[in-house]
Amino acid sequence: MRMRGYSPRELVNIIKKKGWSLSRVKGSHHIYQHPNKDKNITIPMKGKEVSRPLSKRILKEVEAL
């Protein structure tokens, strides 16, 4: 079964539940930061859906998969 793409809003809700918070905004990209991790996660807010490969990478980084 293939993983579906997520809307930007769905990804934001998932990462916020995992403890990530909005750090800054640059254009249509929202950059999130976790208080216990050195990584940032960038979510493109433009468009209806984030591509499947990018959605999968973001979810792996936040350990939601």
C-alpha atoms as a PDB file:
ATOM      1  CA  MET A   1       0.000   0.000   0.000  1.00  0.00           C
ATOM      2  CA  ARG A   2       1.373   3.374  -1.005  1.00  0.00           C
ATOM      3  CA  MET A   3       1.628   6.198   1.439  1.00  0.00           C
ATOM      4  CA  ARG A   4      -0.539   9.172   0.550  1.00  0.00           C
ATOM      5  CA  GLY A   5       0.558  12.757   0.352  1.00  0.00           C
ATOM      6  CA  TYR A   6      -0.543  15.031   3.181  1.00  0.00           C
ATOM      7  CA  SER A   7      -1.842  18.562   3.125  1.00  0.00           C
ATOM      8  CA  PRO A   8       0.463  21.121   4.762  1.00  0.00           C
ATOM      9  CA  ARG A   9      -2.101  21.615   7.552  1.00  0.00           C
ATOM     10  CA  GLU A  10      -2.172  17.858   8.318  1.00  0.00           C
ATOM     11  CA  LEU A  11       1.637  17.745   8.556  1.00  0.00           C
ATOM     12  CA  VAL A  12       1.657  20.760  10.872  1.00  0.00           C
ATOM     13  CA  ASN A  13      -0.890  19.101  13.169  1.00  0.00           C
ATOM     14  CA  ILE A  14       1.170  15.892  13.298  1.00  0.00           C
ATOM     15  CA  ILE A  15       4.473  17.586  14.105  1.00  0.00           C
ATOM     16  CA  LYS A  16       2.896  19.900  16.695  1.00  0.00           C
ATOM     17  CA  LYS A  17       1.590  16.821  18.529  1.00  0.00           C
ATOM     18  CA  LYS A  18       5.184  15.516  18.562  1.00  0.00           C
ATOM     19  CA  GLY A  19       6.434  18.674  20.321  1.00  0.00           C
ATOM     20  CA  TRP A  20       7.664  20.772  17.394  1.00  0.00           C
ATOM     21  CA  SER A  21       6.880  24.497  17.346  1.00  0.00           C
ATOM     22  CA  LEU A  22       6.965  27.176  14.663  1.00  0.00           C
ATOM     23  CA  SER A  23      10.350  28.874  14.694  1.00  0.00           C
ATOM     24  CA  ARG A  24      10.064  31.228  11.741  1.00  0.00           C
ATOM     25  CA  VAL A  25       8.435  31.755   8.347  1.00  0.00           C
ATOM     26  CA  LYS A  26      10.253  32.502   5.116  1.00  0.00           C
ATOM     27  CA  GLY A  27       7.848  33.101   2.262  1.00  0.00           C
ATOM     28  CA  SER A  28       5.541  30.098   1.963  1.00  0.00           C
ATOM     29  CA  HIS A  29       7.863  27.843   3.997  1.00  0.00           C
ATOM     30  CA  HIS A  30       7.242  27.350   7.704  1.00  0.00           C
ATOM     31  CA  ILE A  31      10.275  26.212   9.696  1.00  0.00           C
ATOM     32  CA  TYR A  32       9.651  24.185  12.843  1.00  0.00           C
ATOM     33  CA  GLN A  33      12.066  23.455  15.674  1.00  0.00           C
ATOM     34  CA  HIS A  34      12.010  20.902  18.502  1.00  0.00           C
ATOM     35  CA  PRO A  35      13.307  21.940  21.938  1.00  0.00           C
ATOM     36  CA  ASN A  36      15.328  18.710  22.347  1.00  0.00           C
ATOM     37  CA  LYS A  37      16.675  18.321  18.801  1.00  0.00           C
ATOM     38  CA  ASP A  38      19.117  20.327  16.706  1.00  0.00           C
ATOM     39  CA  LYS A  39      17.220  19.744  13.455  1.00  0.00           C
ATOM     40  CA  ASN A  40      14.723  22.030  11.777  1.00  0.00           C
ATOM     41  CA  ILE A  41      11.850  20.843   9.626  1.00  0.00           C
ATOM     42  CA  THR A  42      10.615  22.941   6.736  1.00  0.00           C
ATOM     43  CA  ILE A  43       7.063  22.517   5.488  1.00  0.00           C
ATOM     44  CA  PRO A  44       6.034  24.190   2.234  1.00  0.00           C
ATOM     45  CA  MET A  45       2.602  25.724   2.865  1.00  0.00           C
ATOM     46  CA  LYS A  46       1.863  26.480  -0.790  1.00  0.00           C
ATOM     47  CA  GLY A  47      -0.482  24.134  -2.596  1.00  0.00           C
ATOM     48  CA  LYS A  48      -3.087  21.590  -1.594  1.00  0.00           C
ATOM     49  CA  GLU A  49      -0.788  18.630  -0.992  1.00  0.00           C
ATOM     50  CA  VAL A  50       2.845  17.976  -0.079  1.00  0.00           C
ATOM     51  CA  SER A  51       4.315  15.281  -2.346  1.00  0.00           C
ATOM     52  CA  ARG A  52       4.492  11.703  -1.058  1.00  0.00           C
ATOM     53  CA  PRO A  53       8.311  11.539  -0.900  1.00  0.00           C
ATOM     54  CA  LEU A  54       8.547  14.829   1.006  1.00  0.00           C
ATOM     55  CA  SER A  55       5.696  13.860   3.352  1.00  0.00           C
ATOM     56  CA  LYS A  56       7.443  10.570   4.092  1.00  0.00           C
ATOM     57  CA  ARG A  57      10.776  12.302   4.801  1.00  0.00           C
ATOM     58  CA  ILE A  58       9.149  14.843   7.124  1.00  0.00           C
ATOM     59  CA  LEU A  59       7.293  12.132   9.052  1.00  0.00           C
ATOM     60  CA  LYS A  60      10.472  10.058   9.400  1.00  0.00           C
ATOM     61  CA  GLU A  61      12.325  13.076  10.789  1.00  0.00           C
ATOM     62  CA  VAL A  62       9.668  13.632  13.455  1.00  0.00           C
ATOM     63  CA  GLU A  63       9.526   9.882  14.122  1.00  0.00           C
ATOM     64  CA  ALA A  64       5.828   9.685  13.280  1.00  0.00           C
ATOM     65  CA  LEU A  65       6.230   6.642  10.983  1.00  0.00           C
END
